[in-house]
Amino acid sequence: QIRLVESGGGLVQAGESLRLSCVHSGSGAMLYAMAWYRQAPGRQRELVADISAGRPNYAEVMKGRVTISRDNAKNTMYLDMNNLKPEDTAVYYCAGKQDPFDIYKWWGQGTQVTVSS
């Protein structure tokens, strides 16, 4: 069993920055890949960015405004978000998987990000 816990969300004004963190614990096995998703009210959950084997990948939704990273020594993944916009308001979730060919199996509870105009 793997547990993921996000933190760092909050209320910010448009143009400001936030850093989200996701700490994973439980299994002794490393997570092969981790990702950040978000879900706004009334919308489907969407990928923001993922990282596997140290290689980041960014979805178009926030490309150029976010940086995903991992600190394996701390079992922590980060999402640095810059120039936030009101449309970035959503619950942000971290996810992880051990099998590169599997779907994301492990999910956090989410952290709310609210961007005011």
N, C-alpha and C. Protein backbone atom coordinates (compact mmCIF):
# COMPACT_ATOMS: atom_id res chain seq x y z
N GLN A 1 0.85 -1.19 0.00
CA GLN A 1 0.00 0.00 0.00
C GLN A 1 0.89 1.24 0.00
N ILE A 2 0.57 2.16 -0.88
CA ILE A 2 1.32 3.41 -1.00
C ILE A 2 0.39 4.56 -0.68
N ARG A 3 0.90 5.48 0.10
CA ARG A 3 0.11 6.66 0.48
C ARG A 3 0.75 7.90 -0.12
N LEU A 4 -0.09 8.75 -0.70
CA LEU A 4 0.36 10.02 -1.28
C LEU A 4 -0.36 11.16 -0.56
N VAL A 5 0.39 12.16 -0.14
CA VAL A 5 -0.19 13.30 0.56
C VAL A 5 0.29 14.59 -0.07
N GLU A 6 -0.66 15.38 -0.60
CA GLU A 6 -0.33 16.66 -1.20
C GLU A 6 -0.40 17.78 -0.17
N SER A 7 0.34 18.83 -0.45
CA SER A 7 0.26 20.05 0.37
C SER A 7 0.70 21.23 -0.49
N GLY A 8 0.43 22.42 0.01
CA GLY A 8 0.91 23.62 -0.67
C GLY A 8 -0.15 24.42 -1.38
N GLY A 9 -1.37 23.89 -1.46
CA GLY A 9 -2.42 24.66 -2.11
C GLY A 9 -2.82 25.86 -1.28
N GLY A 10 -3.63 26.72 -1.87
CA GLY A 10 -4.10 27.89 -1.16
C GLY A 10 -4.76 28.88 -2.07
N LEU A 11 -4.99 30.06 -1.53
CA LEU A 11 -5.63 31.15 -2.28
C LEU A 11 -4.55 32.16 -2.67
N VAL A 12 -4.43 32.42 -3.97
CA VAL A 12 -3.46 33.39 -4.45
C VAL A 12 -4.14 34.31 -5.46
N GLN A 13 -3.47 35.40 -5.77
CA GLN A 13 -3.98 36.30 -6.79
C GLN A 13 -3.37 35.94 -8.14
N ALA A 14 -4.05 36.33 -9.17
CA ALA A 14 -3.56 36.08 -10.52
C ALA A 14 -2.16 36.66 -10.68
N GLY A 15 -1.30 35.88 -11.32
CA GLY A 15 0.08 36.30 -11.53
C GLY A 15 1.05 35.79 -10.48
N GLU A 16 0.52 35.30 -9.38
CA GLU A 16 1.39 34.81 -8.31
C GLU A 16 1.80 33.35 -8.56
N SER A 17 2.63 32.84 -7.66
CA SER A 17 3.18 31.50 -7.80
C SER A 17 2.83 30.64 -6.59
N LEU A 18 2.88 29.34 -6.80
CA LEU A 18 2.69 28.37 -5.72
C LEU A 18 3.58 27.16 -5.97
N ARG A 19 3.97 26.51 -4.90
CA ARG A 19 4.67 25.23 -5.02
C ARG A 19 3.85 24.17 -4.31
N LEU A 20 3.45 23.16 -5.04
CA LEU A 20 2.77 22.02 -4.47
C LEU A 20 3.78 20.92 -4.20
N SER A 21 3.53 20.17 -3.14
CA SER A 21 4.38 19.05 -2.78
C SER A 21 3.53 17.79 -2.63
N CYS A 22 4.13 16.66 -2.91
CA CYS A 22 3.46 15.37 -2.74
C CYS A 22 4.47 14.40 -2.15
N VAL A 23 4.20 13.96 -0.94
CA VAL A 23 5.07 13.00 -0.27
C VAL A 23 4.46 11.61 -0.37
N HIS A 24 5.25 10.64 -0.78
CA HIS A 24 4.73 9.28 -0.83
C HIS A 24 5.44 8.39 0.19
N SER A 25 4.68 7.47 0.73
CA SER A 25 5.19 6.57 1.76
C SER A 25 4.47 5.24 1.67
N GLY A 26 5.00 4.26 2.38
CA GLY A 26 4.32 2.97 2.47
C GLY A 26 5.14 1.84 1.91
N SER A 27 5.10 1.69 0.61
CA SER A 27 5.80 0.57 0.01
C SER A 27 7.29 0.83 -0.07
N GLY A 28 8.06 -0.22 0.04
CA GLY A 28 9.50 -0.04 -0.09
C GLY A 28 9.94 0.13 -1.52
N ALA A 29 9.06 -0.15 -2.45
CA ALA A 29 9.42 -0.03 -3.86
C ALA A 29 9.31 1.41 -4.32
N MET A 30 10.18 1.78 -5.23
CA MET A 30 10.11 3.12 -5.79
C MET A 30 8.90 3.25 -6.72
N LEU A 31 8.41 4.45 -6.82
CA LEU A 31 7.38 4.74 -7.81
C LEU A 31 8.07 5.04 -9.13
N TYR A 32 7.74 4.28 -10.17
CA TYR A 32 8.39 4.48 -11.47
C TYR A 32 8.04 5.85 -12.04
N ALA A 33 6.80 6.23 -11.93
CA ALA A 33 6.35 7.51 -12.48
C ALA A 33 5.39 8.17 -11.52
N MET A 34 5.40 9.48 -11.55
CA MET A 34 4.45 10.27 -10.77
C MET A 34 3.91 11.38 -11.64
N ALA A 35 2.76 11.88 -11.23
CA ALA A 35 2.10 12.89 -12.06
C ALA A 35 1.27 13.84 -11.21
N TRP A 36 1.01 14.99 -11.78
CA TRP A 36 0.05 15.94 -11.21
C TRP A 36 -1.13 16.04 -12.16
N TYR A 37 -2.33 15.90 -11.60
CA TYR A 37 -3.57 16.11 -12.31
C TYR A 37 -4.32 17.23 -11.60
N ARG A 38 -5.32 17.77 -12.29
CA ARG A 38 -6.19 18.74 -11.64
C ARG A 38 -7.63 18.53 -12.10
N GLN A 39 -8.55 18.96 -11.25
CA GLN A 39 -9.97 18.86 -11.60
C GLN A 39 -10.68 20.10 -11.11
N ALA A 40 -11.22 20.83 -12.06
CA ALA A 40 -12.02 22.02 -11.74
C ALA A 40 -13.48 21.62 -11.61
N PRO A 41 -14.28 22.39 -10.90
CA PRO A 41 -15.71 22.06 -10.74
C PRO A 41 -16.39 21.88 -12.08
N GLY A 42 -17.10 20.77 -12.20
CA GLY A 42 -17.85 20.51 -13.42
C GLY A 42 -17.01 20.04 -14.60
N ARG A 43 -15.73 19.81 -14.38
CA ARG A 43 -14.86 19.39 -15.47
C ARG A 43 -14.19 18.07 -15.13
N GLN A 44 -13.70 17.41 -16.17
CA GLN A 44 -13.02 16.15 -15.95
C GLN A 44 -11.61 16.40 -15.42
N ARG A 45 -11.10 15.39 -14.74
CA ARG A 45 -9.73 15.47 -14.27
C ARG A 45 -8.79 15.48 -15.48
N GLU A 46 -7.76 16.35 -15.43
CA GLU A 46 -6.85 16.45 -16.56
C GLU A 46 -5.41 16.44 -16.09
N LEU A 47 -4.56 15.91 -16.94
CA LEU A 47 -3.14 15.85 -16.63
C LEU A 47 -2.53 17.24 -16.72
N VAL A 48 -1.66 17.55 -15.75
CA VAL A 48 -0.89 18.79 -15.79
C VAL A 48 0.54 18.49 -16.22
N ALA A 49 1.13 17.48 -15.56
CA ALA A 49 2.51 17.10 -15.88
C ALA A 49 2.81 15.75 -15.25
N ASP A 50 3.77 15.03 -15.83
CA ASP A 50 4.22 13.81 -15.21
C ASP A 50 5.73 13.71 -15.33
N ILE A 51 6.30 12.79 -14.57
CA ILE A 51 7.75 12.61 -14.58
C ILE A 51 8.07 11.15 -14.34
N SER A 52 8.91 10.59 -15.21
CA SER A 52 9.34 9.20 -15.07
C SER A 52 10.80 9.10 -15.49
N ALA A 53 11.55 8.33 -14.72
CA ALA A 53 12.98 8.18 -14.97
C ALA A 53 13.66 9.54 -15.11
N GLY A 54 13.17 10.50 -14.36
CA GLY A 54 13.76 11.83 -14.37
C GLY A 54 13.36 12.70 -15.54
N ARG A 55 12.53 12.19 -16.42
CA ARG A 55 12.12 12.96 -17.60
C ARG A 55 10.75 13.58 -17.38
N PRO A 56 10.66 14.90 -17.45
CA PRO A 56 9.36 15.55 -17.28
C PRO A 56 8.58 15.61 -18.59
N ASN A 57 7.29 15.64 -18.44
CA ASN A 57 6.42 15.78 -19.59
C ASN A 57 5.30 16.73 -19.18
N TYR A 58 4.99 17.71 -20.03
CA TYR A 58 4.01 18.73 -19.68
C TYR A 58 2.84 18.71 -20.64
N ALA A 59 1.65 18.72 -20.06
CA ALA A 59 0.45 18.86 -20.88
C ALA A 59 0.29 20.33 -21.28
N GLU A 60 -0.49 20.56 -22.31
CA GLU A 60 -0.64 21.91 -22.83
C GLU A 60 -1.34 22.85 -21.86
N VAL A 61 -2.14 22.31 -20.93
CA VAL A 61 -2.98 23.16 -20.07
C VAL A 61 -2.19 24.20 -19.29
N MET A 62 -0.96 23.84 -18.87
CA MET A 62 -0.17 24.79 -18.09
C MET A 62 1.28 24.87 -18.58
N LYS A 63 1.54 24.34 -19.77
CA LYS A 63 2.89 24.27 -20.29
C LYS A 63 3.53 25.66 -20.35
N GLY A 64 4.78 25.72 -19.87
CA GLY A 64 5.49 26.99 -19.84
C GLY A 64 5.33 27.74 -18.54
N ARG A 65 4.39 27.30 -17.71
CA ARG A 65 4.13 27.97 -16.45
C ARG A 65 4.36 27.07 -15.25
N VAL A 66 4.67 25.81 -15.51
CA VAL A 66 4.88 24.85 -14.42
C VAL A 66 6.18 24.08 -14.63
N THR A 67 6.73 23.63 -13.49
CA THR A 67 7.89 22.75 -13.51
C THR A 67 7.65 21.63 -12.53
N ILE A 68 7.80 20.40 -13.01
CA ILE A 68 7.63 19.22 -12.17
C ILE A 68 9.01 18.68 -11.83
N SER A 69 9.16 18.21 -10.59
CA SER A 69 10.44 17.67 -10.17
C SER A 69 10.22 16.65 -9.06
N ARG A 70 11.23 15.85 -8.83
CA ARG A 70 11.19 14.85 -7.76
C ARG A 70 12.49 14.92 -6.97
N ASP A 71 12.35 14.68 -5.67
CA ASP A 71 13.49 14.51 -4.79
C ASP A 71 13.35 13.11 -4.21
N ASN A 72 14.02 12.15 -4.81
CA ASN A 72 13.84 10.77 -4.40
C ASN A 72 14.34 10.52 -2.98
N ALA A 73 15.32 11.29 -2.54
CA ALA A 73 15.82 11.13 -1.17
C ALA A 73 14.76 11.51 -0.15
N LYS A 74 13.84 12.38 -0.56
CA LYS A 74 12.76 12.82 0.34
C LYS A 74 11.42 12.21 -0.02
N ASN A 75 11.42 11.31 -1.02
CA ASN A 75 10.16 10.71 -1.47
C ASN A 75 9.12 11.78 -1.78
N THR A 76 9.54 12.82 -2.41
CA THR A 76 8.67 13.98 -2.63
C THR A 76 8.71 14.42 -4.09
N MET A 77 7.55 14.77 -4.60
CA MET A 77 7.42 15.36 -5.92
C MET A 77 6.89 16.78 -5.74
N TYR A 78 7.31 17.65 -6.63
CA TYR A 78 6.91 19.05 -6.55
C TYR A 78 6.27 19.51 -7.86
N LEU A 79 5.45 20.53 -7.73
CA LEU A 79 4.95 21.23 -8.91
C LEU A 79 5.07 22.72 -8.63
N ASP A 80 5.98 23.36 -9.32
CA ASP A 80 6.14 24.80 -9.21
C ASP A 80 5.28 25.47 -10.27
N MET A 81 4.37 26.30 -9.84
CA MET A 81 3.42 26.94 -10.74
C MET A 81 3.64 28.45 -10.70
N ASN A 82 3.78 29.05 -11.87
CA ASN A 82 4.03 30.48 -11.97
C ASN A 82 2.93 31.15 -12.79
N ASN A 83 2.83 32.46 -12.62
CA ASN A 83 1.87 33.24 -13.39
C ASN A 83 0.48 32.58 -13.39
N LEU A 84 0.01 32.28 -12.21
CA LEU A 84 -1.28 31.58 -12.10
C LEU A 84 -2.43 32.44 -12.59
N LYS A 85 -3.42 31.78 -13.17
CA LYS A 85 -4.59 32.44 -13.73
C LYS A 85 -5.84 31.92 -13.04
N PRO A 86 -6.91 32.70 -13.05
CA PRO A 86 -8.16 32.22 -12.41
C PRO A 86 -8.62 30.87 -12.95
N GLU A 87 -8.36 30.59 -14.22
CA GLU A 87 -8.78 29.31 -14.79
C GLU A 87 -7.94 28.14 -14.30
N ASP A 88 -6.88 28.42 -13.53
CA ASP A 88 -6.11 27.35 -12.91
C ASP A 88 -6.74 26.88 -11.59
N THR A 89 -7.80 27.53 -11.18
CA THR A 89 -8.48 27.13 -9.96
C THR A 89 -9.00 25.71 -10.10
N ALA A 90 -8.59 24.84 -9.18
CA ALA A 90 -8.94 23.42 -9.25
C ALA A 90 -8.40 22.72 -8.02
N VAL A 91 -8.82 21.48 -7.87
CA VAL A 91 -8.17 20.59 -6.90
C VAL A 91 -7.05 19.88 -7.64
N TYR A 92 -5.86 19.93 -7.09
CA TYR A 92 -4.70 19.31 -7.71
C TYR A 92 -4.37 18.01 -6.98
N TYR A 93 -4.21 16.97 -7.77
CA TYR A 93 -3.95 15.64 -7.24
C TYR A 93 -2.59 15.13 -7.71
N CYS A 94 -1.92 14.42 -6.83
CA CYS A 94 -0.73 13.71 -7.29
C CYS A 94 -1.07 12.24 -7.42
N ALA A 95 -0.36 11.58 -8.31
CA ALA A 95 -0.60 10.18 -8.62
C ALA A 95 0.74 9.49 -8.84
N GLY A 96 0.74 8.18 -8.62
CA GLY A 96 1.96 7.42 -8.81
C GLY A 96 1.68 6.02 -9.29
N LYS A 97 2.70 5.44 -9.92
CA LYS A 97 2.58 4.04 -10.34
C LYS A 97 3.96 3.40 -10.28
N GLN A 98 3.95 2.10 -10.07
CA GLN A 98 5.20 1.35 -10.00
C GLN A 98 5.51 0.66 -11.31
N ASP A 99 4.48 0.26 -12.02
CA ASP A 99 4.64 -0.43 -13.29
C ASP A 99 4.52 0.59 -14.42
N PRO A 100 5.54 0.72 -15.24
CA PRO A 100 5.48 1.71 -16.31
C PRO A 100 4.36 1.48 -17.31
N PHE A 101 3.84 0.24 -17.36
CA PHE A 101 2.78 -0.07 -18.32
C PHE A 101 1.39 -0.03 -17.69
N ASP A 102 1.33 0.36 -16.42
CA ASP A 102 0.07 0.40 -15.70
C ASP A 102 -0.50 1.81 -15.73
N ILE A 103 -1.78 1.92 -15.36
CA ILE A 103 -2.37 3.24 -15.15
C ILE A 103 -1.88 3.76 -13.80
N TYR A 104 -2.15 5.05 -13.55
CA TYR A 104 -1.80 5.56 -12.24
C TYR A 104 -2.72 4.92 -11.20
N LYS A 105 -2.09 4.18 -10.31
CA LYS A 105 -2.84 3.37 -9.35
C LYS A 105 -3.02 4.06 -8.01
N TRP A 106 -2.05 4.88 -7.64
CA TRP A 106 -2.06 5.50 -6.32
C TRP A 106 -2.35 7.00 -6.45
N TRP A 107 -3.28 7.49 -5.62
CA TRP A 107 -3.72 8.88 -5.69
C TRP A 107 -3.73 9.52 -4.32
N GLY A 108 -3.43 10.80 -4.27
CA GLY A 108 -3.57 11.57 -3.05
C GLY A 108 -4.99 12.08 -2.91
N GLN A 109 -5.23 12.79 -1.82
CA GLN A 109 -6.58 13.29 -1.54
C GLN A 109 -6.84 14.64 -2.22
N GLY A 110 -5.80 15.27 -2.73
CA GLY A 110 -5.95 16.53 -3.43
C GLY A 110 -5.69 17.74 -2.55
N THR A 111 -5.28 18.82 -3.20
CA THR A 111 -5.09 20.09 -2.51
C THR A 111 -5.71 21.19 -3.36
N GLN A 112 -6.47 22.06 -2.72
CA GLN A 112 -7.22 23.09 -3.45
C GLN A 112 -6.32 24.27 -3.78
N VAL A 113 -6.37 24.67 -5.04
CA VAL A 113 -5.71 25.89 -5.49
C VAL A 113 -6.78 26.83 -6.01
N THR A 114 -6.83 28.02 -5.45
CA THR A 114 -7.80 29.02 -5.88
C THR A 114 -7.06 30.28 -6.29
N VAL A 115 -7.32 30.73 -7.51
CA VAL A 115 -6.66 31.91 -8.04
C VAL A 115 -7.70 32.99 -8.25
N SER A 116 -7.54 34.09 -7.56
CA SER A 116 -8.50 35.20 -7.69
C SER A 116 -8.00 36.20 -8.73
N SER A 117 -8.96 36.85 -9.36
CA SER A 117 -8.59 37.82 -10.41
C SER A 117 -8.37 39.21 -9.84
